[in-house]
Structure formats: structure tokens, C-alpha cells
Amino acid sequence: MSYADQVFVKMCRDILENGTSTEGELVRPRWADGEKAYTIKRFGVVSRYDLSKEFPALTLRRTAIKSCTDEMLWIWQKKSSNVHDLSSGIWDAWADESGSIGKAYGYQMGVKHRYKEGLMDQVDRVIYDLRHQPFSRRIMTNLYVHADLHEMHLYPCAYSMTFNVTQDREDGGLTLNAILNQRSQDILTANNWNVCQYAVLLHMLAQVCGMRAGELVHVIADAHIYDRHIPLVRELIEREQHPAPRFWLNPDITDFYQFTADDVRLLDYVTGPQIKDIPVAI
């Protein structure tokens, strides 16, 4: 059965059985009807996925691999913070009349700074370092820029990636590993979405830098299930689990900026039914 399913089920049961309720607290999120959106939460949830063994897509329900890849590329490749550059409407609730979500996500990725080869942004610096000094312990990105928080329509949730390269002692091959740091996560709507999109990113960067994809470690400071999601989660984690899908990434792409969502596929992907009309707290 899918390892991602096992991780997800264990995490959800732990939150439901051992988590802390925020009911009665002064909370920011609201439901569409104006009611306060309370959660059950766990602090410091850490999950590890070995991408050399299988791709971490849930089979309990389908994760839309092209849509989550499109959002990841919107941030990491297009370096955009305008929803008009995104194929889905998932960010529309936070966009202004021009489509902007402020100085968040892709905007921060595109900010230029001085580095060895002149002016670079965070993505170009990661790729440069992976190719030229792969064993550096300083290869990372950060979207949580305090000076710009007041101009972000939503503070970054998944805010940092730290990359680390290991070398095989037998064949000398390099393996790319990464840690995804997240300050907060709505487990039902976003957990496997984020896991899949950063697994795709790791595969893409490994391919264009001549490496293998290794471990993705996901660290969530505040892992929570919203009150109105609890019955949905309880039903979801009792579903039948299936084997993990096979991951395909277009092997002809050697330039990160040439990837599109069509260069990613999940093969033999058998899943349970999708959950429709999930309420989203804003």
C-alpha cells in the first residue's frame, strides 16, 4: 500500500486523538458564513518520504498532480504573485482587483541579490550552488521576509526549503535531499498537495543538476484539522488504500525553466473518490 497513505492516516489519527482544540481562542480564520474557524492541532509534525522508493501521492483520494505542479512552477519558475499567471483559482480569495497577492511567494523568489556570478534570485542561486558546490550546507530558500509581510495578502505557509546532497560511496552518484518547512497547514485541503508539489520540485532539480531524488522531509509547526473538516477526515482515513503510483518526469528536460505541468505524470494511479465542496477557511 502507499506509504503516503500510511503517513497521512497516522498523522490524522494523532491530531484527532491527541491534538489541542482552539475552540474559544481568538482565532483569525473565518468560514464563508462569518463563523470562527476553530481547529484541532498538533505542534511539530515531521514526515519523511524517500522519493527513490515511491512517489508520495495519496491513494485515499486523488491528488491533482498537474494542478499542484502548476502552482509550484508559478512560484518557483514564473516567480509570480499574480493569479492571472496561475491556471487554477486556488489563490483568488487572497487576490486584489489586479490579481496580485502582494509581495508573497513568487515575488520573493524573484528578488535579485548579489552573488558569485552577479545578480541572482533565490531559485537561480539554488541551481547554481547545486551544480558548483553541491556539498554546501547553505543551499536554501526563504519566503518569510519580515520587511515585506505587511504587503503580503497571506503570510507564507510553506516558507523554506533547505537542500542537502549526499554521495554514494560505491558509484559516486549524488542524491538530492530537502527539508520543507511550513509554519501552518490545513491538513485536509493542503497536506498531500504540498507534499506532492515539493516532491515534484525535488525530482526536477535533481534531474537538471545530474542527481538522484532522495528524501523529502516535511516539517509542520502547526498541523491542524478544521472543525468542519473533522467528519470528512474521519471518513477519508477509513478508506481502502492502494499501491503508490509510478512517477514520470520528462527525461528530455535539462533546464528547470523549460518544465511545464505536462512534463509530470502519475502512472497506474488508483484512488478513492474525490471529496467535493470542502469548505475553506479564509
Protein backbone atom coordinates (compact mmCIF):
# COMPACT_ATOMS: atom_id res chain seq x y z
CA MET A 1 0.00 0.00 0.00
CA SER A 2 1.04 3.62 -0.47
CA TYR A 3 3.49 4.84 2.17
CA ALA A 4 1.97 8.33 1.84
CA ASP A 5 -1.42 6.92 2.85
CA GLN A 6 0.10 5.33 5.94
CA VAL A 7 1.79 8.59 6.95
CA PHE A 8 -1.38 10.60 6.37
CA VAL A 9 -3.67 8.24 8.30
CA LYS A 10 -1.27 8.05 11.27
CA MET A 11 -0.92 11.86 11.33
CA CYS A 12 -4.67 12.49 11.17
CA ARG A 13 -5.43 9.98 13.91
CA ASP A 14 -2.76 11.54 16.11
CA ILE A 15 -4.22 15.02 15.61
CA LEU A 16 -7.80 13.84 16.27
CA GLU A 17 -6.89 11.74 19.32
CA ASN A 18 -4.10 13.78 20.89
CA GLY A 19 -4.45 17.27 19.45
CA THR A 20 -5.34 20.54 21.18
CA SER A 21 -8.61 22.32 20.35
CA THR A 22 -8.53 26.06 19.63
CA GLU A 23 -12.23 26.47 20.37
CA GLY A 24 -12.81 29.64 22.36
CA GLU A 25 -9.46 31.14 21.41
CA LEU A 26 -9.04 34.40 19.49
CA VAL A 27 -8.58 32.95 16.00
CA ARG A 28 -8.10 34.78 12.69
CA PRO A 29 -9.74 32.44 10.10
CA ARG A 30 -13.45 32.61 9.35
CA TRP A 31 -15.82 30.42 7.38
CA ALA A 32 -17.75 31.88 4.45
CA ASP A 33 -20.75 32.45 6.75
CA GLY A 34 -18.62 34.54 9.11
CA GLU A 35 -18.33 31.94 11.87
CA LYS A 36 -14.94 31.49 13.53
CA ALA A 37 -12.97 28.55 12.14
CA TYR A 38 -11.57 26.51 15.01
CA THR A 39 -9.13 23.62 14.71
CA ILE A 40 -7.66 20.61 16.43
CA LYS A 41 -3.90 20.90 16.14
CA ARG A 42 -0.59 19.19 16.81
CA PHE A 43 2.70 21.01 17.14
CA GLY A 44 5.85 19.92 15.33
CA VAL A 45 4.70 17.18 12.95
CA VAL A 46 7.57 15.69 10.93
CA SER A 47 7.12 13.31 7.98
CA ARG A 48 9.82 11.68 5.84
CA TYR A 49 9.37 10.47 2.26
CA ASP A 50 12.05 8.55 0.33
CA LEU A 51 11.45 9.57 -3.27
CA SER A 52 13.85 6.90 -4.51
CA LYS A 53 11.33 4.27 -3.36
CA GLU A 54 7.95 5.73 -4.36
CA PHE A 55 6.12 8.93 -5.14
CA PRO A 56 4.17 10.22 -2.09
CA ALA A 57 0.72 10.70 -3.61
CA LEU A 58 -2.31 9.71 -1.56
CA THR A 59 -4.49 6.94 -2.94
CA LEU A 60 -7.25 7.56 -0.38
CA ARG A 61 -8.35 10.30 -2.77
CA ARG A 62 -6.79 11.72 -5.91
CA THR A 63 -4.21 14.50 -5.73
CA ALA A 64 -4.32 16.61 -8.90
CA ILE A 65 -0.67 16.34 -9.87
CA LYS A 66 -0.78 18.78 -12.79
CA SER A 67 -2.58 21.47 -10.77
CA CYS A 68 -0.24 21.23 -7.79
CA THR A 69 2.77 21.23 -10.14
CA ASP A 70 1.36 24.31 -11.89
CA GLU A 71 1.15 26.17 -8.57
CA MET A 72 4.70 25.14 -7.64
CA LEU A 73 6.01 26.36 -11.00
CA TRP A 74 4.02 29.60 -10.58
CA ILE A 75 6.15 30.26 -7.50
CA TRP A 76 9.49 28.69 -8.37
CA GLN A 77 9.67 29.12 -12.13
CA LYS A 78 7.42 32.04 -13.08
CA LYS A 79 8.21 33.75 -9.75
CA SER A 80 4.79 35.33 -9.94
CA SER A 81 2.43 36.58 -7.28
CA ASN A 82 -0.40 37.33 -9.69
CA VAL A 83 -3.24 34.82 -10.05
CA HIS A 84 -3.60 35.62 -13.74
CA ASP A 85 -0.40 33.60 -14.24
CA LEU A 86 -1.94 30.58 -12.48
CA SER A 87 -4.17 28.02 -14.18
CA SER A 88 -6.39 27.37 -11.14
CA GLY A 89 -8.43 29.65 -8.88
CA ILE A 90 -7.00 28.48 -5.57
CA TRP A 91 -5.49 31.87 -4.74
CA ASP A 92 -8.39 34.03 -5.94
CA ALA A 93 -9.71 34.67 -2.42
CA TRP A 94 -6.47 36.44 -1.49
CA ALA A 95 -6.01 38.43 -4.72
CA ASP A 96 -6.82 42.11 -5.20
CA GLU A 97 -8.58 43.62 -8.20
CA SER A 98 -5.39 43.39 -10.28
CA GLY A 99 -4.89 39.70 -9.41
CA SER A 100 -1.96 40.32 -7.08
CA ILE A 101 -1.46 38.60 -3.71
CA GLY A 102 1.17 41.19 -2.78
CA LYS A 103 4.86 40.64 -2.11
CA ALA A 104 4.36 36.96 -1.33
CA TYR A 105 5.59 33.61 -2.64
CA GLY A 106 6.76 34.07 -6.25
CA TYR A 107 7.57 37.74 -5.69
CA GLN A 108 10.13 36.79 -3.04
CA MET A 109 11.62 34.09 -5.27
CA GLY A 110 12.26 36.68 -7.96
CA VAL A 111 14.02 39.30 -5.82
CA LYS A 112 17.58 39.74 -7.12
CA HIS A 113 20.61 39.81 -4.87
CA ARG A 114 24.35 39.94 -5.49
CA TYR A 115 26.12 36.58 -5.63
CA LYS A 116 29.19 34.99 -7.25
CA GLU A 117 28.01 35.27 -10.84
CA GLY A 118 26.41 38.69 -10.45
CA LEU A 119 22.75 39.31 -9.67
CA MET A 120 20.68 36.21 -8.95
CA ASP A 121 17.35 35.34 -7.40
CA GLN A 122 16.79 32.54 -4.88
CA VAL A 123 15.95 29.84 -7.43
CA ASP A 124 18.94 30.58 -9.65
CA ARG A 125 21.19 30.58 -6.60
CA VAL A 126 19.96 27.13 -5.53
CA ILE A 127 20.58 25.71 -9.01
CA TYR A 128 24.00 27.39 -9.24
CA ASP A 129 25.09 26.02 -5.86
CA LEU A 130 23.79 22.51 -6.58
CA ARG A 131 25.85 22.45 -9.76
CA HIS A 132 29.01 24.14 -8.49
CA GLN A 133 29.20 23.41 -4.76
CA PRO A 134 26.69 20.63 -4.08
CA PHE A 135 28.04 19.75 -0.64
CA SER A 136 27.43 23.22 0.74
CA ARG A 137 25.26 23.36 3.85
CA ARG A 138 23.95 26.78 2.83
CA ILE A 139 21.66 25.89 -0.07
CA MET A 140 18.21 27.12 0.91
CA THR A 141 15.35 29.47 0.14
CA ASN A 142 13.24 31.65 2.45
CA LEU A 143 9.94 33.36 1.67
CA TYR A 144 9.22 34.70 5.16
CA VAL A 145 10.68 38.18 4.76
CA HIS A 146 9.58 40.26 7.73
CA ALA A 147 10.16 43.59 5.98
CA ASP A 148 7.54 42.67 3.37
CA LEU A 149 4.94 40.85 5.50
CA HIS A 150 2.71 43.93 5.66
CA GLU A 151 2.48 43.84 1.85
CA MET A 152 1.53 40.15 1.65
CA HIS A 153 -2.16 39.26 1.45
CA LEU A 154 -1.36 35.98 3.21
CA TYR A 155 1.79 35.18 5.15
CA PRO A 156 3.68 32.25 3.53
CA CYS A 157 2.66 28.85 4.90
CA ALA A 158 5.31 26.69 3.21
CA TYR A 159 8.12 29.20 3.61
CA SER A 160 11.51 27.50 3.37
CA MET A 161 13.38 24.75 1.55
CA THR A 162 16.79 23.53 2.70
CA PHE A 163 18.72 21.29 0.31
CA ASN A 164 21.37 18.75 1.20
CA VAL A 165 23.38 16.50 -1.13
CA THR A 166 24.81 13.10 -0.25
CA GLN A 167 27.23 10.98 -2.28
CA ASP A 168 27.02 7.25 -2.85
CA ARG A 169 30.26 5.60 -1.72
CA GLU A 170 30.03 2.88 -4.36
CA ASP A 171 29.23 4.66 -7.63
CA GLY A 172 29.94 8.29 -6.63
CA GLY A 173 26.46 9.39 -7.64
CA LEU A 174 24.86 12.37 -5.94
CA THR A 175 21.47 12.33 -4.21
CA LEU A 176 19.45 15.48 -3.61
CA ASN A 177 17.51 15.68 -0.33
CA ALA A 178 15.46 18.55 1.08
CA ILE A 179 13.53 19.79 4.09
CA LEU A 180 10.29 21.68 3.55
CA ASN A 181 9.45 23.94 6.49
CA GLN A 182 5.85 25.00 6.99
CA ARG A 183 4.56 27.30 9.74
CA SER A 184 0.95 26.14 9.42
CA GLN A 185 -1.07 23.64 7.42
CA ASP A 186 -4.73 22.80 6.81
CA ILE A 187 -4.25 19.03 6.70
CA LEU A 188 -7.33 18.08 4.69
CA THR A 189 -7.02 20.63 1.92
CA ALA A 190 -3.28 21.11 1.65
CA ASN A 191 -1.16 18.33 3.16
CA ASN A 192 -0.72 15.95 0.27
CA TRP A 193 -0.96 18.83 -2.20
CA ASN A 194 2.17 20.40 -0.69
CA VAL A 195 3.96 17.07 -0.29
CA CYS A 196 3.40 16.21 -3.96
CA GLN A 197 4.38 19.58 -5.36
CA TYR A 198 7.65 19.72 -3.43
CA ALA A 199 8.37 16.09 -4.31
CA VAL A 200 7.98 17.12 -7.96
CA LEU A 201 10.29 20.10 -7.36
CA LEU A 202 12.91 17.83 -5.83
CA HIS A 203 12.72 15.47 -8.80
CA MET A 204 13.01 18.40 -11.24
CA LEU A 205 16.02 19.98 -9.54
CA ALA A 206 17.73 16.61 -9.18
CA GLN A 207 17.28 15.91 -12.89
CA VAL A 208 18.59 19.25 -14.15
CA CYS A 209 21.56 19.08 -11.76
CA GLY A 210 22.54 15.50 -12.64
CA MET A 211 21.45 13.96 -9.35
CA ARG A 212 19.00 11.41 -7.98
CA ALA A 213 15.97 12.39 -5.93
CA GLY A 214 16.32 11.30 -2.32
CA GLU A 215 14.48 12.21 0.87
CA LEU A 216 11.88 14.91 1.33
CA VAL A 217 11.40 15.80 4.98
CA HIS A 218 8.24 17.81 5.75
CA VAL A 219 8.19 19.82 8.98
CA ILE A 220 4.90 21.44 10.05
CA ALA A 221 4.87 23.71 13.09
CA ASP A 222 1.05 23.87 13.41
CA ALA A 223 -0.63 20.85 11.77
CA HIS A 224 -4.38 21.27 12.10
CA ILE A 225 -7.76 19.90 11.10
CA TYR A 226 -10.58 22.45 10.95
CA ASP A 227 -13.72 21.75 12.95
CA ARG A 228 -15.92 21.46 9.86
CA HIS A 229 -13.41 19.07 8.27
CA ILE A 230 -13.41 16.51 11.09
CA PRO A 231 -16.18 14.24 9.71
CA LEU A 232 -14.59 14.40 6.24
CA VAL A 233 -11.21 13.37 7.64
CA ARG A 234 -12.70 10.55 9.71
CA GLU A 235 -14.34 9.10 6.60
CA LEU A 236 -11.22 9.61 4.46
CA ILE A 237 -8.78 7.77 6.71
CA GLU A 238 -11.02 4.68 6.82
CA ARG A 239 -10.95 4.23 3.07
CA GLU A 240 -9.22 1.42 1.20
CA GLN A 241 -5.57 2.07 0.43
CA HIS A 242 -3.91 1.24 -2.89
CA PRO A 243 -0.31 0.86 -4.13
CA ALA A 244 1.57 4.09 -4.82
CA PRO A 245 1.53 5.35 -8.42
CA ARG A 246 4.62 5.39 -10.62
CA PHE A 247 6.11 8.84 -11.21
CA TRP A 248 7.14 10.02 -14.68
CA LEU A 249 9.12 13.18 -15.36
CA ASN A 250 10.04 14.14 -18.92
CA PRO A 251 13.66 12.93 -19.18
CA ASP A 252 14.46 15.29 -22.06
CA ILE A 253 14.31 18.43 -19.91
CA THR A 254 17.69 19.65 -18.64
CA ASP A 255 16.72 23.29 -17.98
CA PHE A 256 14.47 23.91 -14.97
CA TYR A 257 12.79 26.81 -16.77
CA GLN A 258 11.61 24.51 -19.58
CA PHE A 259 9.45 22.30 -17.36
CA THR A 260 5.66 22.55 -17.62
CA ALA A 261 2.92 20.74 -15.74
CA ASP A 262 2.57 18.46 -18.78
CA ASP A 263 6.05 17.07 -18.11
CA VAL A 264 4.77 15.33 -14.97
CA ARG A 265 2.58 12.22 -14.83
CA LEU A 266 1.40 9.70 -12.26
CA LEU A 267 1.03 6.26 -13.85
CA ASP A 268 -1.17 3.43 -12.58
CA TYR A 269 -2.76 5.87 -10.13
CA VAL A 270 -5.72 4.12 -8.48
CA THR A 271 -7.59 6.17 -5.87
CA GLY A 272 -10.74 6.52 -3.87
CA PRO A 273 -13.36 9.14 -4.85
CA GLN A 274 -12.60 12.83 -4.56
CA ILE A 275 -14.10 14.84 -1.70
CA LYS A 276 -16.12 17.67 -3.24
CA ASP A 277 -17.04 21.10 -1.91
CA ILE A 278 -14.59 21.13 1.00
CA PRO A 279 -15.23 24.35 2.97
CA VAL A 280 -12.15 26.59 3.09
CA ALA A 281 -11.44 28.97 5.99
CA ILE A 282 -10.19 32.40 4.96
